[in-house]
Amino acid sequence: MKLLFFKVTGLFLSYLVWTFSIILARSRSWHVWEFDSKIVPIVFIGLWEALYFQKFNVSGSIVELPMHSKINSSWVISDEIWYGQDLMLLANFMMSTVLIFGSVALWVSQIKAPYPGFLQLCYNTAALFLLLSCSCTMISVSWNFTVEFYGETTLDFPITFPVEREMLTKKHFSYVFPLGITTTVLSLLSATMFSCETCPVKRWTLVKPLGVANC
């Protein structure tokens, strides 16, 4: 029963990490900037897209509408955004691999199939890709946080953007860094549980030949 708990918990944490990784990749809060502007007071910048609320005068009434801007070649893309895109894509790809191997390992162990070597391969692969995935996530969020609050990012808007970088007055702390740390910790816990699962498999692999020899 204890072994089943570790297997299910490890897989559940992997799915949770995968969900958090997708949220991070799709988030528009990697940079949250406030500007000295009555038209666009704040801009939310993600890895691929920026969101801001622009005020328009419609028939004498001020209307605030959400606007989206794709981060493309017209932007001055900073290194933390440029490499962050690749790192988060890589992290999510590796998490998909983790879920496949983790799910297969749980299924094989539940039907009690006599494939200890295959089980060990699945658990080791899942643990390895979890470690690689959490490394990508940790590098991305840490780099972004450090540049944002302790350095100077080179990220800049296109010429057609309604505000200019020089109008920036304040940088807001967002949920991206804490969520990235949480994702990393959960990844390490899940990897530890998958690694622990290889111990009973190894013992079973060693005991089985002895049993066969005694027969």
N, C-alpha and C. Protein backbone atom coordinates (compact mmCIF):
# COMPACT_ATOMS: atom_id res chain seq x y z
N MET A 1 0.84 -1.21 0.00
CA MET A 1 0.00 0.00 0.00
C MET A 1 0.87 1.26 0.00
N LYS A 2 1.96 1.20 0.77
CA LYS A 2 2.87 2.35 0.84
C LYS A 2 3.52 2.59 -0.52
N LEU A 3 3.90 1.49 -1.20
CA LEU A 3 4.52 1.63 -2.52
C LEU A 3 3.54 2.25 -3.52
N LEU A 4 2.27 1.84 -3.45
CA LEU A 4 1.25 2.40 -4.35
C LEU A 4 1.08 3.89 -4.09
N PHE A 5 1.13 4.28 -2.82
CA PHE A 5 0.99 5.69 -2.46
C PHE A 5 2.10 6.52 -3.11
N PHE A 6 3.33 6.04 -3.03
CA PHE A 6 4.46 6.76 -3.62
C PHE A 6 4.33 6.84 -5.14
N LYS A 7 3.87 5.75 -5.75
CA LYS A 7 3.73 5.74 -7.21
C LYS A 7 2.68 6.75 -7.66
N VAL A 8 1.52 6.72 -7.00
CA VAL A 8 0.42 7.62 -7.38
C VAL A 8 0.78 9.06 -7.07
N THR A 9 1.39 9.28 -5.90
CA THR A 9 1.77 10.65 -5.52
C THR A 9 2.81 11.22 -6.47
N GLY A 10 3.80 10.40 -6.82
CA GLY A 10 4.83 10.87 -7.76
C GLY A 10 4.25 11.24 -9.10
N LEU A 11 3.31 10.43 -9.59
CA LEU A 11 2.67 10.72 -10.88
C LEU A 11 1.76 11.95 -10.78
N PHE A 12 1.04 12.06 -9.64
CA PHE A 12 0.16 13.22 -9.44
C PHE A 12 0.97 14.51 -9.42
N LEU A 13 2.10 14.49 -8.72
CA LEU A 13 2.97 15.67 -8.67
C LEU A 13 3.50 16.02 -10.07
N SER A 14 3.77 14.99 -10.87
CA SER A 14 4.24 15.24 -12.23
C SER A 14 3.19 15.96 -13.06
N TYR A 15 1.94 15.53 -12.93
CA TYR A 15 0.85 16.20 -13.64
C TYR A 15 0.68 17.64 -13.14
N LEU A 16 0.87 17.83 -11.83
CA LEU A 16 0.78 19.17 -11.26
C LEU A 16 1.89 20.07 -11.79
N VAL A 17 3.10 19.52 -11.86
CA VAL A 17 4.24 20.26 -12.41
C VAL A 17 4.00 20.62 -13.87
N TRP A 18 3.46 19.67 -14.63
CA TRP A 18 3.15 19.92 -16.04
C TRP A 18 2.14 21.06 -16.19
N THR A 19 1.12 21.06 -15.33
CA THR A 19 0.12 22.13 -15.35
C THR A 19 0.75 23.48 -15.05
N PHE A 20 1.59 23.52 -14.00
CA PHE A 20 2.26 24.77 -13.63
C PHE A 20 3.19 25.25 -14.75
N SER A 21 3.85 24.31 -15.41
CA SER A 21 4.77 24.69 -16.49
C SER A 21 4.02 25.33 -17.65
N ILE A 22 2.84 24.79 -17.96
CA ILE A 22 2.03 25.38 -19.02
C ILE A 22 1.55 26.77 -18.62
N ILE A 23 1.14 26.92 -17.36
CA ILE A 23 0.71 28.23 -16.86
C ILE A 23 1.84 29.24 -16.98
N LEU A 24 3.04 28.83 -16.61
CA LEU A 24 4.20 29.73 -16.71
C LEU A 24 4.48 30.12 -18.16
N ALA A 25 4.44 29.14 -19.04
CA ALA A 25 4.74 29.42 -20.45
C ALA A 25 3.71 30.36 -21.07
N ARG A 26 2.45 30.23 -20.66
CA ARG A 26 1.38 31.05 -21.23
C ARG A 26 1.17 32.36 -20.47
N SER A 27 1.84 32.51 -19.35
CA SER A 27 1.63 33.70 -18.52
C SER A 27 2.07 34.99 -19.22
N ARG A 28 1.33 36.06 -18.97
CA ARG A 28 1.70 37.38 -19.49
C ARG A 28 2.23 38.27 -18.36
N SER A 29 2.72 37.64 -17.31
CA SER A 29 3.19 38.41 -16.15
C SER A 29 4.67 38.22 -15.87
N TRP A 30 5.46 37.90 -16.89
CA TRP A 30 6.90 37.79 -16.70
C TRP A 30 7.49 39.18 -16.40
N HIS A 31 6.92 40.19 -17.03
CA HIS A 31 7.24 41.57 -16.69
C HIS A 31 5.92 42.31 -16.52
N VAL A 32 5.76 42.98 -15.40
CA VAL A 32 4.56 43.80 -15.17
C VAL A 32 5.05 45.22 -14.92
N TRP A 33 4.84 46.07 -15.92
CA TRP A 33 5.40 47.43 -15.88
C TRP A 33 4.30 48.48 -15.80
N GLU A 34 4.54 49.45 -14.94
CA GLU A 34 3.62 50.58 -14.79
C GLU A 34 4.24 51.81 -15.45
N PHE A 35 3.40 52.59 -16.15
CA PHE A 35 3.90 53.72 -16.93
C PHE A 35 3.22 55.03 -16.53
N ASP A 36 3.93 56.10 -16.77
CA ASP A 36 3.39 57.43 -16.54
C ASP A 36 2.56 57.82 -17.77
N SER A 37 1.41 57.18 -17.89
CA SER A 37 0.54 57.39 -19.05
C SER A 37 -0.91 57.22 -18.64
N LYS A 38 -1.76 58.11 -19.11
CA LYS A 38 -3.19 58.00 -18.83
C LYS A 38 -3.89 57.08 -19.82
N ILE A 39 -3.23 56.82 -20.94
CA ILE A 39 -3.82 55.96 -21.96
C ILE A 39 -3.55 54.49 -21.67
N VAL A 40 -2.28 54.16 -21.36
CA VAL A 40 -1.89 52.78 -21.03
C VAL A 40 -1.10 52.83 -19.72
N PRO A 41 -1.76 52.70 -18.58
CA PRO A 41 -1.06 52.82 -17.30
C PRO A 41 -0.20 51.61 -16.93
N ILE A 42 -0.55 50.42 -17.44
CA ILE A 42 0.20 49.22 -17.06
C ILE A 42 0.23 48.22 -18.23
N VAL A 43 1.36 47.52 -18.35
CA VAL A 43 1.54 46.54 -19.43
C VAL A 43 2.00 45.22 -18.82
N PHE A 44 1.35 44.14 -19.23
CA PHE A 44 1.71 42.79 -18.80
C PHE A 44 2.43 42.10 -19.95
N ILE A 45 3.67 41.69 -19.72
CA ILE A 45 4.49 41.13 -20.79
C ILE A 45 4.82 39.67 -20.49
N GLY A 46 4.50 38.80 -21.44
CA GLY A 46 4.81 37.39 -21.32
C GLY A 46 5.98 37.01 -22.21
N LEU A 47 6.13 35.73 -22.45
CA LEU A 47 7.22 35.26 -23.30
C LEU A 47 6.90 35.44 -24.78
N TRP A 48 5.61 35.39 -25.12
CA TRP A 48 5.22 35.49 -26.53
C TRP A 48 4.24 36.63 -26.81
N GLU A 49 3.68 37.21 -25.76
CA GLU A 49 2.63 38.20 -26.00
C GLU A 49 2.57 39.20 -24.85
N ALA A 50 2.18 40.41 -25.18
CA ALA A 50 1.97 41.46 -24.18
C ALA A 50 0.49 41.82 -24.13
N LEU A 51 0.02 42.14 -22.94
CA LEU A 51 -1.37 42.54 -22.74
C LEU A 51 -1.40 43.88 -22.03
N TYR A 52 -2.25 44.77 -22.51
CA TYR A 52 -2.43 46.06 -21.85
C TYR A 52 -3.85 46.54 -22.07
N PHE A 53 -4.31 47.42 -21.20
CA PHE A 53 -5.64 47.99 -21.30
C PHE A 53 -5.51 49.44 -21.71
N GLN A 54 -6.00 49.72 -22.91
CA GLN A 54 -5.87 51.06 -23.47
C GLN A 54 -7.20 51.81 -23.36
N LYS A 55 -7.11 53.07 -22.98
CA LYS A 55 -8.30 53.89 -22.82
C LYS A 55 -8.61 54.64 -24.11
N PHE A 56 -9.89 54.57 -24.52
CA PHE A 56 -10.35 55.26 -25.73
C PHE A 56 -11.51 56.19 -25.38
N ASN A 57 -11.59 57.27 -26.10
CA ASN A 57 -12.70 58.20 -25.94
C ASN A 57 -13.77 57.86 -26.98
N VAL A 58 -14.86 57.27 -26.52
CA VAL A 58 -15.95 56.87 -27.42
C VAL A 58 -17.19 57.68 -27.09
N SER A 59 -17.51 58.61 -27.98
CA SER A 59 -18.70 59.47 -27.82
C SER A 59 -18.70 60.20 -26.49
N GLY A 60 -17.53 60.68 -26.11
CA GLY A 60 -17.41 61.45 -24.88
C GLY A 60 -17.22 60.61 -23.63
N SER A 61 -17.26 59.29 -23.78
CA SER A 61 -17.06 58.39 -22.63
C SER A 61 -15.72 57.67 -22.76
N ILE A 62 -15.03 57.52 -21.65
CA ILE A 62 -13.75 56.81 -21.63
C ILE A 62 -14.00 55.32 -21.50
N VAL A 63 -13.55 54.58 -22.50
CA VAL A 63 -13.71 53.12 -22.51
C VAL A 63 -12.33 52.46 -22.47
N GLU A 64 -12.17 51.49 -21.58
CA GLU A 64 -10.89 50.78 -21.45
C GLU A 64 -11.03 49.40 -22.07
N LEU A 65 -10.24 49.13 -23.10
CA LEU A 65 -10.33 47.87 -23.83
C LEU A 65 -9.02 47.09 -23.74
N PRO A 66 -9.11 45.76 -23.63
CA PRO A 66 -7.88 44.94 -23.61
C PRO A 66 -7.27 44.86 -25.00
N MET A 67 -5.96 45.04 -25.06
CA MET A 67 -5.23 44.99 -26.33
C MET A 67 -4.11 43.95 -26.21
N HIS A 68 -3.85 43.25 -27.30
CA HIS A 68 -2.81 42.23 -27.32
C HIS A 68 -1.76 42.59 -28.36
N SER A 69 -0.51 42.30 -28.04
CA SER A 69 0.59 42.57 -28.96
C SER A 69 1.54 41.38 -28.97
N LYS A 70 1.69 40.75 -30.11
CA LYS A 70 2.62 39.62 -30.24
C LYS A 70 4.06 40.11 -30.15
N ILE A 71 4.87 39.39 -29.40
CA ILE A 71 6.29 39.72 -29.31
C ILE A 71 6.99 39.10 -30.51
N ASN A 72 7.34 39.94 -31.46
CA ASN A 72 7.96 39.47 -32.71
C ASN A 72 9.19 40.30 -33.03
N SER A 73 9.60 40.27 -34.28
CA SER A 73 10.84 40.94 -34.69
C SER A 73 10.76 42.46 -34.57
N SER A 74 9.56 43.01 -34.44
CA SER A 74 9.44 44.46 -34.29
C SER A 74 9.82 44.93 -32.88
N TRP A 75 9.87 43.99 -31.94
CA TRP A 75 10.29 44.29 -30.57
C TRP A 75 11.82 44.17 -30.46
N VAL A 76 12.35 44.83 -29.45
CA VAL A 76 13.74 44.57 -29.04
C VAL A 76 13.66 43.50 -27.96
N ILE A 77 13.89 42.26 -28.37
CA ILE A 77 13.69 41.13 -27.45
C ILE A 77 14.94 40.90 -26.61
N SER A 78 14.77 40.91 -25.31
CA SER A 78 15.90 40.73 -24.39
C SER A 78 16.28 39.25 -24.30
N ASP A 79 17.47 39.00 -23.77
CA ASP A 79 17.98 37.62 -23.69
C ASP A 79 17.10 36.74 -22.80
N GLU A 80 16.63 37.29 -21.67
CA GLU A 80 15.84 36.47 -20.74
C GLU A 80 14.51 36.04 -21.36
N ILE A 81 13.98 36.86 -22.27
CA ILE A 81 12.76 36.48 -22.98
C ILE A 81 13.08 35.52 -24.12
N TRP A 82 14.13 35.84 -24.86
CA TRP A 82 14.53 35.03 -26.02
C TRP A 82 14.84 33.59 -25.61
N TYR A 83 15.72 33.44 -24.62
CA TYR A 83 16.08 32.09 -24.16
C TYR A 83 14.99 31.48 -23.29
N GLY A 84 14.22 32.33 -22.60
CA GLY A 84 13.12 31.83 -21.79
C GLY A 84 12.08 31.10 -22.62
N GLN A 85 11.83 31.58 -23.83
CA GLN A 85 10.90 30.90 -24.73
C GLN A 85 11.35 29.47 -25.01
N ASP A 86 12.61 29.31 -25.38
CA ASP A 86 13.14 27.98 -25.69
C ASP A 86 13.18 27.08 -24.46
N LEU A 87 13.59 27.65 -23.33
CA LEU A 87 13.70 26.86 -22.11
C LEU A 87 12.34 26.35 -21.63
N MET A 88 11.32 27.20 -21.70
CA MET A 88 9.99 26.78 -21.26
C MET A 88 9.37 25.78 -22.23
N LEU A 89 9.63 25.95 -23.52
CA LEU A 89 9.16 24.95 -24.48
C LEU A 89 9.83 23.61 -24.22
N LEU A 90 11.13 23.64 -23.95
CA LEU A 90 11.88 22.42 -23.66
C LEU A 90 11.38 21.78 -22.37
N ALA A 91 11.11 22.60 -21.35
CA ALA A 91 10.60 22.09 -20.07
C ALA A 91 9.26 21.38 -20.25
N ASN A 92 8.37 21.97 -21.04
CA ASN A 92 7.06 21.36 -21.26
C ASN A 92 7.16 20.09 -22.11
N PHE A 93 8.08 20.07 -23.07
CA PHE A 93 8.28 18.86 -23.87
C PHE A 93 8.78 17.72 -22.98
N MET A 94 9.73 18.02 -22.11
CA MET A 94 10.28 16.99 -21.23
C MET A 94 9.24 16.52 -20.22
N MET A 95 8.35 17.44 -19.77
CA MET A 95 7.30 17.03 -18.85
C MET A 95 6.32 16.08 -19.53
N SER A 96 6.07 16.27 -20.81
CA SER A 96 5.21 15.33 -21.54
C SER A 96 5.84 13.94 -21.56
N THR A 97 7.15 13.90 -21.72
CA THR A 97 7.87 12.62 -21.68
C THR A 97 7.77 11.98 -20.31
N VAL A 98 7.88 12.80 -19.27
CA VAL A 98 7.76 12.30 -17.89
C VAL A 98 6.40 11.66 -17.67
N LEU A 99 5.35 12.32 -18.12
CA LEU A 99 3.99 11.80 -17.92
C LEU A 99 3.78 10.48 -18.65
N ILE A 100 4.36 10.36 -19.82
CA ILE A 100 4.23 9.11 -20.59
C ILE A 100 4.91 7.96 -19.85
N PHE A 101 6.17 8.15 -19.46
CA PHE A 101 6.91 7.08 -18.78
C PHE A 101 6.34 6.80 -17.40
N GLY A 102 5.93 7.86 -16.67
CA GLY A 102 5.35 7.66 -15.34
C GLY A 102 4.03 6.91 -15.40
N SER A 103 3.18 7.25 -16.36
CA SER A 103 1.88 6.58 -16.50
C SER A 103 2.05 5.12 -16.91
N VAL A 104 2.96 4.88 -17.84
CA VAL A 104 3.22 3.50 -18.29
C VAL A 104 3.77 2.66 -17.13
N ALA A 105 4.68 3.25 -16.34
CA ALA A 105 5.26 2.52 -15.20
C ALA A 105 4.18 2.15 -14.18
N LEU A 106 3.27 3.08 -13.90
CA LEU A 106 2.19 2.80 -12.95
C LEU A 106 1.28 1.69 -13.48
N TRP A 107 0.97 1.75 -14.76
CA TRP A 107 0.10 0.73 -15.37
C TRP A 107 0.75 -0.65 -15.34
N VAL A 108 2.03 -0.72 -15.70
CA VAL A 108 2.75 -2.00 -15.71
C VAL A 108 2.84 -2.58 -14.30
N SER A 109 3.10 -1.72 -13.31
CA SER A 109 3.22 -2.20 -11.93
C SER A 109 1.88 -2.68 -11.39
N GLN A 110 0.77 -2.07 -11.84
CA GLN A 110 -0.55 -2.46 -11.35
C GLN A 110 -1.03 -3.78 -11.95
N ILE A 111 -0.65 -4.06 -13.18
CA ILE A 111 -1.05 -5.35 -13.78
C ILE A 111 -0.06 -6.45 -13.41
N LYS A 112 0.95 -6.05 -12.61
CA LYS A 112 1.96 -6.99 -12.09
C LYS A 112 2.66 -7.76 -13.21
N ALA A 113 2.97 -7.05 -14.27
CA ALA A 113 3.72 -7.67 -15.37
C ALA A 113 5.18 -7.89 -14.96
N PRO A 114 5.75 -9.03 -15.31
CA PRO A 114 7.12 -9.37 -14.87
C PRO A 114 8.20 -8.70 -15.72
N TYR A 115 8.22 -7.37 -15.70
CA TYR A 115 9.20 -6.63 -16.49
C TYR A 115 9.96 -5.64 -15.60
N PRO A 116 10.74 -6.13 -14.65
CA PRO A 116 11.44 -5.22 -13.73
C PRO A 116 12.41 -4.28 -14.43
N GLY A 117 13.09 -4.79 -15.46
CA GLY A 117 14.03 -3.94 -16.19
C GLY A 117 13.33 -2.78 -16.88
N PHE A 118 12.17 -3.06 -17.46
CA PHE A 118 11.40 -2.02 -18.13
C PHE A 118 10.87 -1.00 -17.13
N LEU A 119 10.41 -1.49 -15.97
CA LEU A 119 9.93 -0.59 -14.91
C LEU A 119 11.05 0.34 -14.45
N GLN A 120 12.21 -0.23 -14.22
CA GLN A 120 13.36 0.57 -13.78
C GLN A 120 13.72 1.63 -14.81
N LEU A 121 13.67 1.25 -16.09
CA LEU A 121 13.95 2.20 -17.16
C LEU A 121 12.94 3.35 -17.15
N CYS A 122 11.66 3.02 -16.98
CA CYS A 122 10.61 4.05 -16.96
C CYS A 122 10.81 5.02 -15.81
N TYR A 123 11.05 4.50 -14.61
CA TYR A 123 11.23 5.37 -13.44
C TYR A 123 12.48 6.23 -13.56
N ASN A 124 13.57 5.64 -14.02
CA ASN A 124 14.81 6.41 -14.17
C ASN A 124 14.67 7.50 -15.24
N THR A 125 14.00 7.16 -16.33
CA THR A 125 13.79 8.15 -17.40
C THR A 125 12.92 9.29 -16.91
N ALA A 126 11.83 8.95 -16.20
CA ALA A 126 10.94 9.98 -15.67
C ALA A 126 11.67 10.90 -14.70
N ALA A 127 12.48 10.31 -13.81
CA ALA A 127 13.22 11.11 -12.84
C ALA A 127 14.24 12.02 -13.52
N LEU A 128 14.93 11.49 -14.53
CA LEU A 128 15.94 12.28 -15.25
C LEU A 128 15.30 13.47 -15.96
N PHE A 129 14.21 13.22 -16.67
CA PHE A 129 13.56 14.31 -17.41
C PHE A 129 12.91 15.32 -16.47
N LEU A 130 12.48 14.87 -15.30
CA LEU A 130 11.96 15.81 -14.30
C LEU A 130 13.06 16.77 -13.83
N LEU A 131 14.24 16.23 -13.59
CA LEU A 131 15.37 17.07 -13.17
C LEU A 131 15.76 18.06 -14.26
N LEU A 132 15.78 17.59 -15.50
CA LEU A 132 16.13 18.48 -16.61
C LEU A 132 15.06 19.56 -16.80
N SER A 133 13.80 19.16 -16.67
CA SER A 133 12.70 20.11 -16.83
C SER A 133 12.73 21.19 -15.76
N CYS A 134 12.94 20.77 -14.50
CA CYS A 134 12.96 21.76 -13.42
C CYS A 134 14.18 22.68 -13.54
N SER A 135 15.26 22.18 -14.12
CA SER A 135 16.43 23.04 -14.35
C SER A 135 16.10 24.14 -15.36
N CYS A 136 15.41 23.77 -16.43
CA CYS A 136 15.00 24.76 -17.44
C CYS A 136 14.08 25.81 -16.84
N THR A 137 13.12 25.35 -16.04
CA THR A 137 12.17 26.28 -15.41
C THR A 137 12.89 27.20 -14.43
N MET A 138 13.77 26.64 -13.62
CA MET A 138 14.48 27.43 -12.61
C MET A 138 15.37 28.48 -13.26
N ILE A 139 16.06 28.10 -14.31
CA ILE A 139 16.92 29.05 -15.02
C ILE A 139 16.09 30.19 -15.60
N SER A 140 14.96 29.86 -16.20
CA SER A 140 14.11 30.87 -16.84
C SER A 140 13.59 31.89 -15.85
N VAL A 141 12.95 31.42 -14.77
CA VAL A 141 12.33 32.35 -13.83
C VAL A 141 13.38 33.12 -13.02
N SER A 142 14.48 32.46 -12.67
CA SER A 142 15.54 33.14 -11.90
C SER A 142 16.22 34.22 -12.73
N TRP A 143 16.51 33.89 -13.97
CA TRP A 143 17.14 34.86 -14.87
C TRP A 143 16.23 36.07 -15.06
N ASN A 144 14.95 35.80 -15.31
CA ASN A 144 13.99 36.89 -15.51
C ASN A 144 13.87 37.77 -14.27
N PHE A 145 13.78 37.13 -13.09
CA PHE A 145 13.64 37.87 -11.83
C PHE A 145 14.89 38.71 -11.54
N THR A 146 16.05 38.13 -11.76
CA THR A 146 17.31 38.84 -11.48
C THR A 146 17.47 40.06 -12.37
N VAL A 147 17.21 39.88 -13.66
CA VAL A 147 17.34 40.99 -14.61
C VAL A 147 16.31 42.07 -14.32
N GLU A 148 15.12 41.64 -13.94
CA GLU A 148 14.02 42.59 -13.71
C GLU A 148 14.28 43.50 -12.51
N PHE A 149 14.76 42.93 -11.41
CA PHE A 149 14.86 43.70 -10.17
C PHE A 149 16.29 44.01 -9.73
N TYR A 150 17.28 43.33 -10.29
CA TYR A 150 18.65 43.58 -9.87
C TYR A 150 19.56 43.94 -11.04
N GLY A 151 19.00 43.99 -12.22
CA GLY A 151 19.79 44.35 -13.39
C GLY A 151 19.03 45.33 -14.25
N GLU A 152 19.26 45.26 -15.53
CA GLU A 152 18.58 46.14 -16.49
C GLU A 152 18.29 45.36 -17.75
N THR A 153 17.01 45.09 -17.98
CA THR A 153 16.62 44.34 -19.17
C THR A 153 16.71 45.21 -20.41
N THR A 154 17.01 44.59 -21.54
CA THR A 154 17.10 45.32 -22.81
C THR A 154 15.78 45.27 -23.58
N LEU A 155 14.75 44.67 -22.97
CA LEU A 155 13.45 44.55 -23.63
C LEU A 155 12.88 45.94 -23.93
N ASP A 156 12.41 46.12 -25.16
CA ASP A 156 11.83 47.41 -25.55
C ASP A 156 10.70 47.18 -26.55
N PHE A 157 9.80 48.16 -26.59
CA PHE A 157 8.60 48.05 -27.42
C PHE A 157 8.87 48.47 -28.87
N PRO A 158 7.98 48.03 -29.78
CA PRO A 158 8.08 48.52 -31.17
C PRO A 158 7.69 49.99 -31.26
N ILE A 159 7.99 50.61 -32.38
CA ILE A 159 7.72 52.04 -32.56
C ILE A 159 6.23 52.35 -32.47
N THR A 160 5.40 51.42 -32.91
CA THR A 160 3.95 51.65 -32.94
C THR A 160 3.27 51.43 -31.59
N PHE A 161 4.02 51.03 -30.57
CA PHE A 161 3.42 50.76 -29.26
C PHE A 161 2.94 52.07 -28.64
N PRO A 162 1.82 52.05 -27.91
CA PRO A 162 1.24 53.30 -27.38
C PRO A 162 2.04 53.96 -26.26
N VAL A 163 3.00 53.27 -25.65
CA VAL A 163 3.86 53.88 -24.64
C VAL A 163 5.32 53.60 -24.98
N GLU A 164 6.21 54.38 -24.40
CA GLU A 164 7.64 54.20 -24.61
C GLU A 164 8.31 53.70 -23.34
N ARG A 165 9.42 53.05 -23.53
CA ARG A 165 10.16 52.49 -22.39
C ARG A 165 10.57 53.59 -21.41
N GLU A 166 10.85 54.78 -21.90
CA GLU A 166 11.28 55.89 -21.05
C GLU A 166 10.19 56.34 -20.08
N MET A 167 8.95 55.94 -20.35
CA MET A 167 7.83 56.34 -19.50
C MET A 167 7.62 55.38 -18.32
N LEU A 168 8.46 54.35 -18.24
CA LEU A 168 8.35 53.35 -17.17
C LEU A 168 8.61 53.99 -15.81
N THR A 169 7.70 53.76 -14.87
CA THR A 169 7.84 54.32 -13.52
C THR A 169 8.01 53.26 -12.43
N LYS A 170 7.48 52.05 -12.68
CA LYS A 170 7.52 51.04 -11.62
C LYS A 170 7.45 49.64 -12.22
N LYS A 171 8.20 48.71 -11.61
CA LYS A 171 8.14 47.30 -11.99
C LYS A 171 7.48 46.53 -10.85
N HIS A 172 6.45 45.77 -11.19
CA HIS A 172 5.70 45.04 -10.17
C HIS A 172 6.18 43.60 -10.07
N PHE A 173 6.19 43.09 -8.84
CA PHE A 173 6.52 41.69 -8.59
C PHE A 173 5.28 40.84 -8.90
N SER A 174 5.45 39.79 -9.71
CA SER A 174 4.31 38.96 -10.10
C SER A 174 4.45 37.55 -9.54
N TYR A 175 3.48 36.71 -9.89
CA TYR A 175 3.45 35.34 -9.39
C TYR A 175 4.41 34.41 -10.14
N VAL A 176 5.05 34.87 -11.20
CA VAL A 176 5.87 34.00 -12.05
C VAL A 176 7.04 33.39 -11.27
N PHE A 177 7.78 34.20 -10.53
CA PHE A 177 8.93 33.67 -9.80
C PHE A 177 8.52 32.69 -8.70
N PRO A 178 7.54 33.02 -7.83
CA PRO A 178 7.11 32.03 -6.82
C PRO A 178 6.56 30.75 -7.43
N LEU A 179 5.81 30.88 -8.53
CA LEU A 179 5.27 29.68 -9.18
C LEU A 179 6.39 28.85 -9.79
N GLY A 180 7.42 29.51 -10.31
CA GLY A 180 8.56 28.79 -10.85
C GLY A 180 9.31 28.02 -9.77
N ILE A 181 9.47 28.65 -8.60
CA ILE A 181 10.13 27.97 -7.47
C ILE A 181 9.30 26.79 -7.00
N THR A 182 7.98 26.99 -6.90
CA THR A 182 7.09 25.90 -6.49
C THR A 182 7.15 24.74 -7.47
N THR A 183 7.16 25.06 -8.76
CA THR A 183 7.26 24.03 -9.80
C THR A 183 8.56 23.24 -9.67
N THR A 184 9.65 23.94 -9.39
CA THR A 184 10.95 23.28 -9.23
C THR A 184 10.96 22.34 -8.04
N VAL A 185 10.41 22.80 -6.91
CA VAL A 185 10.38 21.98 -5.69
C VAL A 185 9.53 20.72 -5.91
N LEU A 186 8.36 20.90 -6.52
CA LEU A 186 7.49 19.75 -6.80
C LEU A 186 8.15 18.78 -7.77
N SER A 187 8.90 19.31 -8.72
CA SER A 187 9.63 18.45 -9.67
C SER A 187 10.66 17.60 -8.94
N LEU A 188 11.38 18.21 -8.01
CA LEU A 188 12.39 17.48 -7.24
C LEU A 188 11.75 16.40 -6.37
N LEU A 189 10.59 16.72 -5.76
CA LEU A 189 9.88 15.73 -4.94
C LEU A 189 9.42 14.56 -5.80
N SER A 190 8.85 14.87 -6.95
CA SER A 190 8.38 13.81 -7.84
C SER A 190 9.54 12.95 -8.34
N ALA A 191 10.66 13.60 -8.69
CA ALA A 191 11.84 12.86 -9.16
C ALA A 191 12.38 11.95 -8.06
N THR A 192 12.34 12.43 -6.81
CA THR A 192 12.79 11.62 -5.67
C THR A 192 11.91 10.39 -5.51
N MET A 193 10.60 10.58 -5.63
CA MET A 193 9.68 9.44 -5.49
C MET A 193 9.87 8.42 -6.61
N PHE A 194 10.08 8.90 -7.83
CA PHE A 194 10.34 7.98 -8.94
C PHE A 194 11.66 7.23 -8.73
N SER A 195 12.66 7.93 -8.20
CA SER A 195 13.96 7.29 -7.95
C SER A 195 13.83 6.23 -6.86
N CYS A 196 13.02 6.53 -5.84
CA CYS A 196 12.81 5.55 -4.76
C CYS A 196 12.11 4.29 -5.26
N GLU A 197 11.30 4.45 -6.31
CA GLU A 197 10.58 3.30 -6.86
C GLU A 197 11.53 2.29 -7.51
N THR A 198 12.72 2.75 -7.91
CA THR A 198 13.66 1.83 -8.56
C THR A 198 14.29 0.87 -7.56
N CYS A 199 14.29 1.22 -6.27
CA CYS A 199 14.91 0.36 -5.25
C CYS A 199 14.19 -0.98 -5.11
N PRO A 200 12.84 -0.99 -4.92
CA PRO A 200 12.15 -2.30 -4.87
C PRO A 200 12.30 -3.09 -6.15
N VAL A 201 12.33 -2.39 -7.29
CA VAL A 201 12.49 -3.07 -8.58
C VAL A 201 13.85 -3.75 -8.66
N LYS A 202 14.90 -3.05 -8.18
CA LYS A 202 16.24 -3.64 -8.19
C LYS A 202 16.31 -4.87 -7.29
N ARG A 203 15.68 -4.78 -6.10
CA ARG A 203 15.69 -5.91 -5.18
C ARG A 203 14.95 -7.10 -5.78
N TRP A 204 13.81 -6.79 -6.45
CA TRP A 204 13.03 -7.85 -7.07
C TRP A 204 13.83 -8.51 -8.19
N THR A 205 14.60 -7.71 -8.92
CA THR A 205 15.41 -8.24 -10.02
C THR A 205 16.50 -9.16 -9.49
N LEU A 206 17.06 -8.83 -8.31
CA LEU A 206 18.13 -9.64 -7.73
C LEU A 206 17.59 -10.92 -7.10
N VAL A 207 16.38 -10.81 -6.49
CA VAL A 207 15.82 -11.95 -5.79
C VAL A 207 15.30 -13.00 -6.76
N LYS A 208 14.71 -12.54 -7.88
CA LYS A 208 14.09 -13.47 -8.82
C LYS A 208 15.06 -14.52 -9.38
N PRO A 209 16.26 -14.14 -9.83
CA PRO A 209 17.19 -15.18 -10.33
C PRO A 209 17.56 -16.20 -9.27
N LEU A 210 17.66 -15.74 -7.98
CA LEU A 210 17.98 -16.67 -6.91
C LEU A 210 16.87 -17.70 -6.75
N GLY A 211 15.61 -17.19 -6.85
CA GLY A 211 14.48 -18.10 -6.72
C GLY A 211 14.46 -19.11 -7.84
N VAL A 212 14.77 -18.66 -9.05
CA VAL A 212 14.80 -19.56 -10.20
C VAL A 212 15.91 -20.58 -10.05
N ALA A 213 17.07 -20.14 -9.53
CA ALA A 213 18.22 -21.04 -9.36
C ALA A 213 17.90 -22.13 -8.33
N ASN A 214 17.18 -21.75 -7.25
CA ASN A 214 16.85 -22.72 -6.22
C ASN A 214 15.88 -23.77 -6.73
N CYS A 215 15.04 -23.35 -7.69
CA CYS A 215 14.11 -24.32 -8.26
C CYS A 215 14.87 -25.37 -9.06
